[in-house]
Amino acid sequence: MAQRPGTTGAQSPGGTTGAPAPGGTTGAPQAIAERCVGRSGLRVSRVGLGTGTWGIETDAVDAGELLAAFAAAGGTLLDTGPHYTDGRAEEMLGSLLGKAFRRDDFVLATKAGVTLRSGGLIADSSRRALLDSLDASLARLDTDHVDLWQIQLLDPMTPPEETLSALEHAVASGRARYVGVANHSGWQLARASTLAECAAGHARIVAAGTEYSLLERSAEAEMLPAAAALGVGVLAYAPLGGGVLTGKYRHNTPLDSRAARTDLVEHHLTAPGRRVVDAVTMAAEGLGVSPAEVALAWVRDRAEVASVIVGARTVAQLAPSLAAEALVLPTEIRRALADVSGGGSA
């Protein structure tokens, strides 16, 4: 059974007990610190492991090795979803947690609110669709509850009160411990959170998932301020810009890379994007770390962020994200990166 070293304890966003001085590392691997998600008592590792490639690019053997490395580093937050590789990601995760790892060592987060119809995915946050999706996820994950259940998209056809009633039922029935949303704008988050606060139950919105990186900072316009005001913890996914911020696309496109297979990162491979990558690479060289560590630390240490969700196909790809735990960026570098990537606060 995989064993996980103790973490440093619950942390407020942006702070870590025993962190090295800005610009330095401890010289030894650090256990990933924990933070509370917003103003809730839910504690998660400030780096989470995403499973979006499990079942297609990541096979069962690699998935087990990834989970072992993540657990050994003190990681607890596992992010998955019913439509990650058509449910195979949840199935693989459930198989691992039921055999090689202890379920209670992890914070298991999944999603609902997207339904496959007529060959395509559509938003469906009706009570029927949400609770059916949750039950199917629990079966694939081979567990009786998830620790965090998020509504993946806003469904304009379903009254928000109906969606929130499903969240309340999931918590009341013990199938979900906490609830949240993902891919919501600031006003959408504010509306959902306010309605939940005013409801008779106790299913408060505690988390909001959003894409956030030095290449994608649109969340700063309203989503991050809304989350801060509402006491909602941000789970930032794609903090490395789909791998672009690792610097692997600076000179060419590796044949085995995501950019070679899909167009998911093409919008980052622009002149402004390359300037950001160059700045991250320069900062990394000066600090003696990898570009991935710099990019991840910049997002992770935003006050609104509870955890950054990283995806990796192999342990070698995951290693820089785990090594970033020992890095605190100097304020001057944070500001310089903010400036080159669009200005605003660091």
Protein backbone atom coordinates (compact mmCIF):
# COMPACT_ATOMS: atom_id res chain seq x y z
CA MET A 1 0.00 0.00 0.00
CA ALA A 2 1.30 3.43 -0.91
CA GLN A 3 2.27 5.54 2.05
CA ARG A 4 2.11 9.32 2.14
CA PRO A 5 4.36 11.46 4.27
CA GLY A 6 2.66 13.97 6.52
CA THR A 7 1.88 17.39 5.14
CA THR A 8 2.62 20.67 6.78
CA GLY A 9 -0.97 21.15 7.89
CA ALA A 10 -3.76 23.41 6.70
CA GLN A 11 -2.52 26.63 5.20
CA SER A 12 -4.15 29.87 4.21
CA PRO A 13 -3.84 30.52 0.46
CA GLY A 14 -0.49 32.01 -0.38
CA GLY A 15 1.26 30.85 2.79
CA THR A 16 3.20 27.73 3.61
CA THR A 17 4.78 26.71 6.90
CA GLY A 18 8.51 26.19 6.51
CA ALA A 19 8.69 27.61 2.99
CA PRO A 20 12.12 28.65 1.72
CA ALA A 21 13.02 32.27 1.31
CA PRO A 22 11.80 33.85 -1.95
CA GLY A 23 13.88 32.75 -4.86
CA GLY A 24 15.29 29.75 -3.06
CA THR A 25 14.60 26.08 -2.56
CA THR A 26 15.29 23.90 0.42
CA GLY A 27 17.58 21.57 -1.53
CA ALA A 28 15.48 18.57 -0.45
CA PRO A 29 12.01 17.40 -1.53
CA GLN A 30 9.21 19.00 0.46
CA ALA A 31 5.87 17.43 1.27
CA ILE A 32 3.14 19.34 -0.51
CA ALA A 33 1.44 21.72 1.91
CA GLU A 34 -2.30 21.68 2.51
CA ARG A 35 -4.73 24.57 2.31
CA CYS A 36 -8.36 25.00 3.22
CA VAL A 37 -10.65 25.49 0.23
CA GLY A 38 -11.97 29.01 0.64
CA ARG A 39 -13.69 29.52 3.99
CA SER A 40 -14.57 25.84 4.32
CA GLY A 41 -12.90 23.19 6.42
CA LEU A 42 -12.06 21.07 3.37
CA ARG A 43 -8.28 20.60 3.29
CA VAL A 44 -6.52 19.81 0.03
CA SER A 45 -2.94 19.67 -1.17
CA ARG A 46 -2.05 22.90 -2.90
CA VAL A 47 -1.11 20.86 -5.96
CA GLY A 48 -3.78 18.48 -7.24
CA LEU A 49 -3.44 15.62 -9.73
CA GLY A 50 -5.67 15.76 -12.79
CA THR A 51 -6.76 12.61 -14.62
CA GLY A 52 -7.90 14.02 -17.94
CA THR A 53 -5.58 11.79 -19.98
CA TRP A 54 -6.17 8.57 -18.04
CA GLY A 55 -7.51 5.86 -20.29
CA ILE A 56 -6.14 7.31 -23.53
CA GLU A 57 -2.65 8.77 -23.14
CA THR A 58 -2.06 7.28 -19.69
CA ASP A 59 -2.50 3.54 -19.21
CA ALA A 60 -3.16 1.71 -15.95
CA VAL A 61 0.53 1.13 -15.20
CA ASP A 62 1.48 4.78 -15.72
CA ALA A 63 -1.58 5.90 -13.74
CA GLY A 64 -0.51 3.79 -10.79
CA GLU A 65 3.01 5.18 -10.93
CA LEU A 66 1.67 8.75 -11.13
CA LEU A 67 -0.58 8.23 -8.14
CA ALA A 68 2.25 6.64 -6.15
CA ALA A 69 4.61 9.54 -6.87
CA PHE A 70 1.90 12.09 -6.08
CA ALA A 71 1.01 10.39 -2.79
CA ALA A 72 4.67 10.04 -1.79
CA ALA A 73 5.07 13.80 -2.26
CA GLY A 74 2.16 14.52 0.07
CA GLY A 75 -0.48 15.08 -2.61
CA THR A 76 -4.11 14.52 -1.63
CA LEU A 77 -6.40 16.23 -4.16
CA LEU A 78 -7.45 14.04 -7.11
CA ASP A 79 -9.44 15.72 -9.88
CA THR A 80 -11.55 13.67 -12.28
CA GLY A 81 -14.84 13.79 -14.17
CA PRO A 82 -17.40 11.51 -15.79
CA HIS A 83 -16.49 12.64 -19.30
CA TYR A 84 -12.74 12.36 -18.92
CA THR A 85 -12.03 9.71 -21.56
CA ASP A 86 -15.69 8.61 -21.51
CA GLY A 87 -15.57 7.54 -17.88
CA ARG A 88 -12.39 5.50 -18.13
CA ALA A 89 -10.48 7.97 -15.94
CA GLU A 90 -12.95 7.45 -13.09
CA GLU A 91 -12.84 3.67 -13.57
CA MET A 92 -9.03 3.58 -13.46
CA LEU A 93 -8.96 5.81 -10.40
CA GLY A 94 -11.57 3.68 -8.65
CA SER A 95 -9.59 0.53 -9.37
CA LEU A 96 -6.41 2.04 -7.92
CA LEU A 97 -8.08 3.45 -4.82
CA GLY A 98 -9.74 0.14 -4.14
CA LYS A 99 -6.57 -1.93 -4.35
CA ALA A 100 -3.17 -0.25 -4.20
CA PHE A 101 -4.09 2.91 -2.25
CA ARG A 102 -6.29 3.87 0.68
CA ARG A 103 -9.34 5.86 -0.38
CA ASP A 104 -9.27 7.92 2.81
CA ASP A 105 -5.77 9.21 2.07
CA PHE A 106 -7.15 11.34 -0.77
CA VAL A 107 -9.62 14.14 -1.43
CA LEU A 108 -11.64 12.87 -4.38
CA ALA A 109 -13.24 15.51 -6.62
CA THR A 110 -15.47 14.85 -9.61
CA LYS A 111 -18.01 16.76 -11.64
CA ALA A 112 -21.42 16.67 -13.30
CA GLY A 113 -23.56 18.91 -15.47
CA VAL A 114 -22.46 17.80 -18.93
CA THR A 115 -24.47 15.16 -20.81
CA LEU A 116 -23.73 13.28 -24.03
CA ARG A 117 -26.57 13.67 -26.52
CA SER A 118 -26.70 13.18 -30.29
CA GLY A 119 -22.96 12.63 -30.40
CA GLY A 120 -22.08 15.84 -28.56
CA LEU A 121 -21.72 17.20 -25.04
CA ILE A 122 -24.29 19.68 -23.76
CA ALA A 123 -24.79 21.41 -20.43
CA ASP A 124 -27.53 19.73 -18.37
CA SER A 125 -27.81 20.71 -14.73
CA SER A 126 -31.30 19.33 -14.16
CA ARG A 127 -31.85 17.43 -10.93
CA ARG A 128 -32.35 14.20 -12.88
CA ALA A 129 -29.16 14.53 -14.92
CA LEU A 130 -27.01 15.61 -11.98
CA LEU A 131 -28.03 12.87 -9.57
CA ASP A 132 -27.87 10.19 -12.29
CA SER A 133 -24.37 11.40 -13.16
CA LEU A 134 -23.28 11.35 -9.51
CA ASP A 135 -24.51 7.79 -8.99
CA ALA A 136 -22.71 6.64 -12.15
CA SER A 137 -19.50 8.36 -11.00
CA LEU A 138 -19.70 6.70 -7.59
CA ALA A 139 -20.08 3.31 -9.27
CA ARG A 140 -17.07 3.87 -11.53
CA LEU A 141 -14.99 5.22 -8.63
CA ASP A 142 -16.06 2.29 -6.45
CA THR A 143 -16.86 4.52 -3.49
CA ASP A 144 -19.95 5.64 -1.62
CA HIS A 145 -19.06 9.33 -1.64
CA VAL A 146 -16.90 12.01 -3.21
CA ASP A 147 -15.29 14.75 -1.18
CA LEU A 148 -16.03 17.51 -3.69
CA TRP A 149 -18.74 17.51 -6.36
CA GLN A 150 -18.72 20.36 -8.90
CA ILE A 151 -21.21 21.55 -11.50
CA GLN A 152 -19.08 21.72 -14.62
CA LEU A 153 -20.98 24.26 -16.73
CA LEU A 154 -23.84 26.73 -16.35
CA ASP A 155 -27.03 25.31 -17.86
CA PRO A 156 -29.23 28.22 -19.03
CA MET A 157 -32.28 25.96 -19.45
CA THR A 158 -32.45 24.71 -15.85
CA PRO A 159 -33.55 27.03 -13.03
CA PRO A 160 -30.61 27.52 -10.66
CA GLU A 161 -32.83 26.61 -7.70
CA GLU A 162 -33.31 23.13 -9.21
CA THR A 163 -29.57 22.70 -9.69
CA LEU A 164 -28.90 23.77 -6.11
CA SER A 165 -31.56 21.35 -4.84
CA ALA A 166 -29.56 18.51 -6.40
CA LEU A 167 -26.41 19.74 -4.67
CA GLU A 168 -28.25 19.91 -1.37
CA HIS A 169 -29.62 16.39 -1.83
CA ALA A 170 -26.16 15.04 -2.64
CA VAL A 171 -24.76 16.49 0.59
CA ALA A 172 -27.77 15.50 2.70
CA SER A 173 -27.64 11.92 1.40
CA GLY A 174 -23.91 11.63 2.12
CA ARG A 175 -22.89 11.12 -1.51
CA ALA A 176 -20.91 14.38 -1.56
CA ARG A 177 -19.17 16.06 1.35
CA TYR A 178 -18.73 19.48 -0.29
CA VAL A 179 -19.98 21.09 -3.51
CA GLY A 180 -18.75 23.67 -5.97
CA VAL A 181 -18.86 24.86 -9.56
CA ALA A 182 -16.45 25.00 -12.48
CA ASN A 183 -16.11 27.15 -15.59
CA HIS A 184 -18.46 29.80 -14.22
CA SER A 185 -17.97 33.52 -14.68
CA GLY A 186 -17.80 35.83 -11.70
CA TRP A 187 -21.47 36.78 -11.80
CA GLN A 188 -22.53 33.16 -12.29
CA LEU A 189 -20.46 32.13 -9.28
CA ALA A 190 -21.90 34.99 -7.23
CA ARG A 191 -25.46 34.03 -8.11
CA ALA A 192 -24.98 30.35 -7.32
CA SER A 193 -23.17 31.11 -4.08
CA THR A 194 -25.78 33.63 -2.93
CA LEU A 195 -28.69 31.31 -3.69
CA ALA A 196 -26.97 28.51 -1.82
CA GLU A 197 -26.34 30.76 1.18
CA CYS A 198 -30.01 31.77 1.26
CA ALA A 199 -31.34 28.22 0.95
CA ALA A 200 -32.54 26.26 3.96
CA GLY A 201 -29.88 23.57 3.59
CA HIS A 202 -26.15 23.55 4.13
CA ALA A 203 -24.71 22.87 0.66
CA ARG A 204 -22.61 26.02 0.43
CA ILE A 205 -20.50 26.58 -2.69
CA VAL A 206 -16.92 26.16 -1.45
CA ALA A 207 -14.90 25.73 -4.67
CA ALA A 208 -14.74 27.11 -8.19
CA GLY A 209 -12.66 25.51 -10.93
CA THR A 210 -11.27 27.71 -13.67
CA GLU A 211 -8.47 27.76 -16.22
CA TYR A 212 -5.70 30.03 -15.00
CA SER A 213 -2.09 30.47 -16.05
CA LEU A 214 0.37 33.12 -17.22
CA LEU A 215 -1.07 32.48 -20.69
CA GLU A 216 -4.73 32.63 -19.62
CA ARG A 217 -5.47 35.33 -17.07
CA SER A 218 -9.06 36.25 -17.97
CA ALA A 219 -10.25 34.87 -14.61
CA GLU A 220 -8.66 37.90 -12.94
CA ALA A 221 -11.28 40.23 -14.44
CA GLU A 222 -14.17 39.04 -12.28
CA MET A 223 -13.95 35.37 -11.29
CA LEU A 224 -11.01 35.64 -8.88
CA PRO A 225 -12.34 38.79 -7.16
CA ALA A 226 -15.78 37.17 -6.83
CA ALA A 227 -14.28 34.03 -5.31
CA ALA A 228 -12.28 36.09 -2.82
CA ALA A 229 -15.32 38.12 -1.78
CA LEU A 230 -17.50 35.02 -1.41
CA GLY A 231 -14.98 32.91 0.45
CA VAL A 232 -14.78 30.39 -2.39
CA GLY A 233 -11.51 28.58 -3.07
CA VAL A 234 -10.23 28.54 -6.64
CA LEU A 235 -9.03 25.29 -8.20
CA ALA A 236 -6.85 26.46 -11.08
CA TYR A 237 -6.50 23.98 -13.92
CA ALA A 238 -4.09 24.11 -16.88
CA PRO A 239 -1.56 26.22 -14.88
CA LEU A 240 1.13 25.28 -17.43
CA GLY A 241 -0.94 26.36 -20.41
CA GLY A 242 -1.31 22.84 -21.76
CA GLY A 243 2.44 22.31 -21.43
CA VAL A 244 3.41 25.43 -23.38
CA LEU A 245 4.90 27.09 -20.29
CA THR A 246 7.33 24.19 -19.83
CA GLY A 247 9.20 25.61 -22.81
CA LYS A 248 8.99 22.44 -24.87
CA TYR A 249 7.48 24.29 -27.85
CA ARG A 250 10.00 27.15 -27.94
CA HIS A 251 11.92 25.87 -30.96
CA ASN A 252 9.80 23.08 -32.46
CA THR A 253 6.85 20.80 -31.82
CA PRO A 254 7.81 17.38 -30.42
CA LEU A 255 6.15 14.57 -32.34
CA ASP A 256 4.75 12.99 -29.17
CA SER A 257 3.40 16.29 -27.78
CA ARG A 258 -0.15 17.51 -27.40
CA ALA A 259 0.38 20.20 -30.02
CA ALA A 260 1.39 17.55 -32.56
CA ARG A 261 -1.85 15.62 -31.99
CA THR A 262 -4.46 18.32 -31.39
CA ASP A 263 -5.07 22.05 -31.71
CA LEU A 264 -5.77 22.49 -27.97
CA VAL A 265 -2.71 24.65 -27.35
CA GLU A 266 -2.46 26.38 -30.72
CA HIS A 267 -3.97 29.59 -29.35
CA HIS A 268 -1.00 29.89 -26.97
CA LEU A 269 1.62 29.44 -29.71
CA THR A 270 1.52 33.09 -30.73
CA ALA A 271 4.01 35.95 -30.61
CA PRO A 272 2.65 37.25 -27.26
CA GLY A 273 2.58 33.71 -25.92
CA ARG A 274 6.19 33.12 -26.94
CA ARG A 275 7.24 36.28 -25.12
CA VAL A 276 5.65 34.94 -21.95
CA VAL A 277 7.39 31.58 -22.38
CA ASP A 278 10.72 33.33 -22.97
CA ALA A 279 10.25 35.37 -19.78
CA VAL A 280 9.38 32.27 -17.76
CA THR A 281 12.41 30.45 -19.17
CA MET A 282 14.70 33.37 -18.35
CA ALA A 283 13.38 33.51 -14.79
CA ALA A 284 13.87 29.77 -14.42
CA GLU A 285 17.46 29.95 -15.61
CA GLY A 286 18.22 32.70 -13.12
CA LEU A 287 16.68 30.73 -10.26
CA GLY A 288 18.19 27.41 -11.24
CA VAL A 289 14.84 25.66 -11.64
CA SER A 290 12.66 24.49 -14.52
CA PRO A 291 10.21 26.75 -16.39
CA ALA A 292 7.36 24.52 -15.21
CA GLU A 293 8.24 25.22 -11.57
CA VAL A 294 8.21 28.97 -12.16
CA ALA A 295 4.88 28.95 -14.04
CA LEU A 296 3.24 26.72 -11.46
CA ALA A 297 4.50 28.70 -8.47
CA TRP A 298 3.19 31.94 -10.00
CA VAL A 299 -0.36 30.58 -10.16
CA ARG A 300 -0.20 28.57 -6.93
CA ASP A 301 0.72 31.55 -4.79
CA ARG A 302 -2.16 33.77 -5.85
CA ALA A 303 -4.15 34.46 -2.68
CA GLU A 304 -7.41 33.24 -4.23
CA VAL A 305 -6.03 29.86 -5.33
CA ALA A 306 -6.56 26.86 -3.06
CA SER A 307 -4.90 24.35 -5.39
CA VAL A 308 -3.48 24.05 -8.89
CA ILE A 309 -4.55 21.01 -10.91
CA VAL A 310 -1.74 19.53 -12.98
CA GLY A 311 -2.00 16.84 -15.60
CA ALA A 312 0.84 14.53 -16.56
CA ARG A 313 1.13 11.42 -18.70
CA THR A 314 4.18 10.07 -16.89
CA VAL A 315 6.05 10.45 -13.61
CA ALA A 316 8.80 12.31 -15.48
CA GLN A 317 6.27 14.92 -16.59
CA LEU A 318 4.86 15.20 -13.06
CA ALA A 319 8.25 15.68 -11.39
CA PRO A 320 8.64 19.46 -12.03
CA SER A 321 5.17 20.11 -10.61
CA LEU A 322 6.12 18.29 -7.42
CA ALA A 323 9.50 20.03 -7.27
CA ALA A 324 7.77 23.42 -7.41
CA GLU A 325 6.73 22.94 -3.78
CA ALA A 326 10.21 24.09 -2.74
CA LEU A 327 10.07 27.31 -4.77
CA VAL A 328 8.87 30.75 -3.71
CA LEU A 329 9.19 33.37 -6.44
CA PRO A 330 10.76 36.71 -5.52
CA THR A 331 8.27 39.56 -5.68
CA GLU A 332 10.22 41.23 -8.48
CA ILE A 333 9.96 38.13 -10.67
CA ARG A 334 6.24 37.74 -9.95
CA ARG A 335 5.68 41.34 -11.03
CA ALA A 336 7.84 41.01 -14.13
CA LEU A 337 5.95 37.91 -15.24
CA ALA A 338 2.66 39.65 -14.60
CA ASP A 339 3.77 42.59 -16.71
CA VAL A 340 4.91 40.52 -19.68
CA SER A 341 1.76 38.40 -19.61
CA GLY A 342 -0.71 41.27 -19.68
CA GLY A 343 -0.14 43.53 -16.68
CA GLY A 344 -2.28 43.71 -13.58
CA SER A 345 -1.51 42.38 -10.14
CA ALA A 346 0.97 39.61 -9.49
